[in-house]
Amino acid sequence: MSVHKVIKRVTTSALREMKTRGEKISMLTSYDFSTARILDAAGVEVLLVGDSAANVFAGYETTLPITLDHMIYHASAVARASKRAMVLADLPFGEYQGSVEDAYKAAVRMMKESGAHALKLEGGEEIIDNIKKIVNSGIPVCGHLGLTPQSIYKFGDFSVRAKEEAEANRLKADALALQEAGCFMLVLEKIPAALAKEVSDSLDIPTIGIGAGNGCDGQVLVVNDMLGLNKEFKPKFLRLYADLQEEITKAASNYIADVKAGTFPNESEQY
């Protein structure tokens, strides 16, 4: 008699329990079915369907051009692949910064049409009412503070945020406000490590860092970056875990050579 192992889905409460017992949370971005299936099987806790798809998937300079339809397309592909990992999807720029009702409608549509398990929104006090409405409707929300790429034109560049005391104090206040509004988790991007640790220690909810040091409760990287598919992007916080650009180039070159030489396909590779 075969026994089927039940795969337990990573939930918001599971992530909070990980923080409580001091177990670090792993998160990676994913935008397609094949990659998501591999990352899920590898054991990553959270698959972030980031609006970074605008950069690494579609080639845009910023995350701003990606639409809700685009994000639903990517998130639904990832959701179909995930058996265990939480699928966390970004709401794109322009869908939640306006009225509470517009934000709520965008959030509901993303959840209904994509199959994602939770949503990530950038910003603090200025979108608190919108977050409260979404959370109160039963949708889990992850906050995002520090360098918020959807506001890149306001910042002017991708430099480290909250180095000055005033901005650091505002970030700490925003973090508490997001927790009180019902956010289950918080991403801290490109802020001083000491500040990220202080914020993480002050919150009951887990924090996920990217360029924010190792004092956070977990870490996230863009999968294309850590796999070496985008080697032109070399921030200080990025660690390369593979060099797929070189491997793919080598494979493609060998394939082209075999086609040109007439050695592919051989007798065993044809019908």
Protein backbone atom coordinates (compact mmCIF):
# COMPACT_ATOMS: atom_id res chain seq x y z
CA MET A 1 0.00 0.00 0.00
CA SER A 2 1.56 3.31 -1.09
CA VAL A 3 1.53 6.25 1.26
CA HIS A 4 1.23 9.66 -0.36
CA LYS A 5 3.15 12.34 1.48
CA VAL A 6 1.00 15.40 2.12
CA ILE A 7 2.82 18.58 1.09
CA LYS A 8 2.02 21.36 3.51
CA ARG A 9 1.58 24.81 1.97
CA VAL A 10 3.66 27.65 3.44
CA THR A 11 1.18 30.08 5.00
CA THR A 12 1.31 33.48 6.68
CA SER A 13 1.14 31.81 10.10
CA ALA A 14 3.94 29.39 9.13
CA LEU A 15 6.18 32.35 8.23
CA ARG A 16 5.41 34.06 11.51
CA GLU A 17 6.25 30.85 13.38
CA MET A 18 9.58 30.72 11.53
CA LYS A 19 10.40 34.19 12.84
CA THR A 20 9.43 33.19 16.37
CA ARG A 21 11.76 30.19 16.40
CA GLY A 22 14.57 32.05 14.61
CA GLU A 23 14.43 30.09 11.35
CA LYS A 24 15.38 32.22 8.35
CA ILE A 25 12.91 32.55 5.45
CA SER A 26 14.06 32.08 1.85
CA MET A 27 12.36 33.97 -0.97
CA LEU A 28 13.19 34.14 -4.68
CA THR A 29 11.43 35.83 -7.57
CA SER A 30 9.82 33.76 -10.29
CA TYR A 31 7.91 34.71 -13.42
CA ASP A 32 7.23 31.43 -15.28
CA PHE A 33 6.00 27.88 -14.71
CA SER A 34 9.24 25.98 -15.37
CA THR A 35 11.44 28.07 -13.07
CA ALA A 36 8.79 28.19 -10.35
CA ARG A 37 8.46 24.40 -10.38
CA ILE A 38 12.23 24.00 -9.89
CA LEU A 39 12.43 26.59 -7.09
CA ASP A 40 9.39 25.13 -5.34
CA ALA A 41 10.87 21.62 -5.43
CA ALA A 42 14.17 23.01 -4.11
CA GLY A 43 12.34 24.13 -0.98
CA VAL A 44 12.11 27.91 -1.16
CA GLU A 45 9.41 29.18 1.21
CA VAL A 46 8.11 32.12 -0.88
CA LEU A 47 7.97 32.65 -4.64
CA LEU A 48 7.73 36.38 -5.30
CA VAL A 49 6.12 37.24 -8.61
CA GLY A 50 7.79 40.62 -8.67
CA ASP A 51 7.04 43.54 -10.93
CA SER A 52 10.78 43.16 -11.60
CA ALA A 53 9.42 41.04 -14.46
CA ALA A 54 9.26 44.39 -16.24
CA ASN A 55 13.07 44.57 -16.07
CA VAL A 56 14.38 41.02 -16.35
CA PHE A 57 11.56 39.44 -18.40
CA ALA A 58 10.43 42.30 -20.64
CA GLY A 59 13.54 44.52 -20.79
CA TYR A 60 12.05 47.77 -19.47
CA GLU A 61 14.28 50.26 -17.66
CA THR A 62 11.95 50.46 -14.63
CA THR A 63 9.08 48.45 -13.13
CA LEU A 64 6.52 51.13 -13.99
CA PRO A 65 5.31 49.91 -17.43
CA ILE A 66 4.09 46.47 -16.27
CA THR A 67 0.30 46.19 -16.08
CA LEU A 68 -2.13 44.29 -13.89
CA ASP A 69 -2.89 41.98 -16.82
CA HIS A 70 0.83 41.23 -17.20
CA MET A 71 1.20 40.50 -13.49
CA ILE A 72 -1.83 38.20 -13.47
CA TYR A 73 -0.33 36.29 -16.42
CA HIS A 74 3.01 35.78 -14.64
CA ALA A 75 1.47 35.04 -11.23
CA SER A 76 -0.94 32.46 -12.62
CA ALA A 77 1.95 30.59 -14.28
CA VAL A 78 3.88 30.52 -10.99
CA ALA A 79 0.80 29.55 -8.98
CA ARG A 80 0.18 26.56 -11.26
CA ALA A 81 3.73 25.35 -10.57
CA SER A 82 3.84 25.82 -6.81
CA LYS A 83 2.96 22.85 -4.62
CA ARG A 84 4.42 24.13 -1.33
CA ALA A 85 5.77 27.67 -1.58
CA MET A 86 3.61 30.70 -0.91
CA VAL A 87 3.05 32.67 -4.12
CA LEU A 88 3.37 36.37 -3.33
CA ALA A 89 2.49 38.74 -6.17
CA ASP A 90 3.25 42.44 -6.58
CA LEU A 91 0.42 44.80 -7.34
CA PRO A 92 1.84 47.01 -10.12
CA PHE A 93 2.30 50.76 -10.12
CA GLY A 94 -0.92 52.76 -10.44
CA GLU A 95 -3.27 50.02 -9.23
CA TYR A 96 -3.33 50.80 -5.50
CA GLN A 97 -1.95 54.32 -4.92
CA GLY A 98 -5.27 56.02 -5.72
CA SER A 99 -8.62 55.49 -4.08
CA VAL A 100 -9.31 52.77 -1.52
CA GLU A 101 -11.95 51.29 -3.81
CA ASP A 102 -9.60 51.11 -6.82
CA ALA A 103 -6.91 49.43 -4.72
CA TYR A 104 -9.43 46.93 -3.37
CA LYS A 105 -10.74 46.07 -6.86
CA ALA A 106 -7.20 45.53 -8.21
CA ALA A 107 -6.32 43.31 -5.25
CA VAL A 108 -9.46 41.20 -5.62
CA ARG A 109 -8.90 40.78 -9.35
CA MET A 110 -5.29 39.69 -8.82
CA MET A 111 -6.30 37.10 -6.21
CA LYS A 112 -9.25 35.74 -8.20
CA GLU A 113 -7.54 35.53 -11.59
CA SER A 114 -3.95 34.59 -10.68
CA GLY A 115 -4.29 32.10 -7.85
CA ALA A 116 -1.65 33.94 -5.81
CA HIS A 117 -1.79 33.50 -2.04
CA ALA A 118 -0.82 37.04 -0.99
CA LEU A 119 0.01 40.47 -2.41
CA LYS A 120 2.92 42.89 -1.95
CA LEU A 121 2.43 46.67 -2.00
CA GLU A 122 5.11 49.36 -1.83
CA GLY A 123 4.77 52.30 0.55
CA GLY A 124 3.93 53.30 4.11
CA GLU A 125 1.57 55.74 5.78
CA GLU A 126 0.37 57.18 2.47
CA ILE A 127 -1.35 53.89 1.50
CA ILE A 128 -2.35 52.64 4.96
CA ASP A 129 -6.11 53.05 4.38
CA ASN A 130 -5.85 51.10 1.12
CA ILE A 131 -3.92 48.30 2.85
CA LYS A 132 -6.48 48.13 5.68
CA LYS A 133 -9.32 47.73 3.18
CA ILE A 134 -7.49 44.93 1.33
CA VAL A 135 -6.49 43.11 4.54
CA ASN A 136 -9.98 43.46 6.01
CA SER A 137 -11.39 41.80 2.90
CA GLY A 138 -9.34 38.70 3.71
CA ILE A 139 -6.35 39.23 1.42
CA PRO A 140 -2.89 38.86 3.04
CA VAL A 141 -0.63 41.85 2.35
CA CYS A 142 3.16 42.12 2.54
CA GLY A 143 4.53 45.65 2.88
CA HIS A 144 7.66 47.02 1.19
CA LEU A 145 9.80 49.89 2.53
CA GLY A 146 13.20 51.44 1.82
CA LEU A 147 14.07 51.58 -1.84
CA THR A 148 10.67 51.16 -3.49
CA PRO A 149 11.30 50.72 -7.24
CA GLN A 150 7.85 51.98 -8.26
CA SER A 151 8.90 55.38 -6.84
CA ILE A 152 12.29 55.45 -8.55
CA TYR A 153 11.63 58.71 -10.40
CA LYS A 154 10.85 60.38 -7.08
CA PHE A 155 14.11 59.10 -5.55
CA GLY A 156 16.14 59.90 -8.66
CA ASP A 157 18.46 56.88 -8.36
CA PHE A 158 18.88 53.42 -6.84
CA SER A 159 21.09 54.50 -3.93
CA VAL A 160 20.72 53.27 -0.34
CA ARG A 161 17.68 54.72 1.42
CA ALA A 162 17.16 55.88 5.04
CA LYS A 163 20.80 56.77 5.73
CA GLU A 164 19.74 60.08 7.29
CA GLU A 165 18.00 60.16 10.66
CA ALA A 166 14.78 61.76 9.44
CA GLU A 167 14.18 59.17 6.72
CA ALA A 168 15.20 56.33 9.07
CA ASN A 169 12.68 57.51 11.69
CA ARG A 170 9.98 57.74 9.02
CA LEU A 171 10.76 54.19 7.87
CA LYS A 172 10.53 52.88 11.46
CA ALA A 173 7.17 54.61 11.90
CA ASP A 174 5.92 53.24 8.57
CA ALA A 175 7.00 49.71 9.53
CA LEU A 176 4.96 49.84 12.74
CA ALA A 177 2.01 51.36 10.88
CA LEU A 178 2.09 48.56 8.29
CA GLN A 179 2.13 45.94 11.04
CA GLU A 180 -0.80 47.63 12.79
CA ALA A 181 -2.68 47.81 9.48
CA GLY A 182 -2.52 44.02 9.29
CA CYS A 183 0.47 43.28 7.03
CA PHE A 184 1.76 39.75 7.65
CA MET A 185 5.31 40.48 6.44
CA LEU A 186 7.57 43.33 5.34
CA VAL A 187 10.25 43.61 2.64
CA LEU A 188 13.12 46.00 3.46
CA GLU A 189 15.11 46.99 0.38
CA LYS A 190 18.52 48.66 0.25
CA ILE A 191 18.69 50.26 3.70
CA PRO A 192 21.53 50.23 6.27
CA ALA A 193 21.93 46.82 7.94
CA ALA A 194 21.74 48.28 11.46
CA LEU A 195 18.43 49.97 10.68
CA ALA A 196 17.01 46.80 9.11
CA LYS A 197 17.94 44.79 12.22
CA GLU A 198 16.40 47.42 14.50
CA VAL A 199 13.16 47.34 12.52
CA SER A 200 13.13 43.53 12.40
CA ASP A 201 13.63 43.27 16.15
CA SER A 202 10.85 45.78 16.81
CA LEU A 203 8.22 43.90 14.81
CA ASP A 204 6.20 40.76 15.50
CA ILE A 205 5.86 40.09 11.76
CA PRO A 206 8.79 38.73 9.72
CA THR A 207 11.00 40.96 7.58
CA ILE A 208 12.64 40.00 4.29
CA GLY A 209 15.77 41.85 3.28
CA ILE A 210 17.33 42.66 -0.07
CA GLY A 211 20.45 44.73 0.32
CA ALA A 212 19.50 45.21 3.98
CA GLY A 213 22.02 42.99 5.78
CA ASN A 214 21.57 39.70 7.62
CA GLY A 215 19.56 41.03 10.56
CA CYS A 216 16.27 40.48 8.73
CA ASP A 217 14.17 37.36 9.22
CA GLY A 218 14.75 36.24 5.65
CA GLN A 219 16.24 37.21 2.30
CA VAL A 220 15.06 37.66 -1.29
CA LEU A 221 16.94 37.93 -4.57
CA VAL A 222 15.83 38.26 -8.18
CA VAL A 223 16.32 34.74 -9.55
CA ASN A 224 17.73 35.95 -12.89
CA ASP A 225 20.40 37.90 -11.02
CA MET A 226 21.52 35.16 -8.61
CA LEU A 227 21.66 32.63 -11.47
CA GLY A 228 23.96 34.87 -13.50
CA LEU A 229 21.50 35.53 -16.32
CA ASN A 230 21.89 39.28 -15.91
CA LYS A 231 25.61 39.72 -15.28
CA GLU A 232 25.59 43.42 -16.16
CA PHE A 233 23.75 44.01 -12.85
CA LYS A 234 26.32 43.88 -10.05
CA PRO A 235 25.05 45.46 -6.82
CA LYS A 236 27.00 44.93 -3.61
CA PHE A 237 24.25 42.78 -2.08
CA LEU A 238 24.09 40.24 -4.93
CA ARG A 239 25.76 36.84 -4.63
CA LEU A 240 26.05 34.77 -7.82
CA TYR A 241 25.04 31.15 -7.23
CA ALA A 242 25.46 30.07 -10.87
CA ASP A 243 26.71 31.41 -14.20
CA LEU A 244 23.86 30.45 -16.49
CA GLN A 245 24.75 33.14 -19.01
CA GLU A 246 27.99 31.29 -19.73
CA GLU A 247 26.35 27.86 -19.63
CA ILE A 248 23.53 28.85 -21.99
CA THR A 249 25.95 30.57 -24.37
CA LYS A 250 28.09 27.42 -24.45
CA ALA A 251 25.07 25.17 -25.02
CA ALA A 252 23.69 27.38 -27.79
CA SER A 253 27.12 27.57 -29.48
CA ASN A 254 27.48 23.76 -29.39
CA TYR A 255 23.97 23.34 -30.80
CA ILE A 256 24.65 25.79 -33.64
CA ALA A 257 27.93 24.02 -34.47
CA ASP A 258 26.21 20.61 -34.56
CA VAL A 259 23.42 21.91 -36.82
CA LYS A 260 25.93 23.52 -39.18
CA ALA A 261 28.03 20.33 -39.28
CA GLY A 262 24.98 18.16 -39.96
CA THR A 263 25.65 16.04 -36.85
CA PHE A 264 22.35 16.96 -35.20
CA PRO A 265 20.07 15.12 -35.37
CA ASN A 266 21.91 11.80 -35.63
CA GLU A 267 20.32 8.41 -36.45
CA SER A 268 19.19 7.79 -32.88
CA GLU A 269 17.51 11.22 -32.76
CA GLN A 270 15.18 10.72 -35.70
CA TYR A 271 12.13 8.59 -36.52
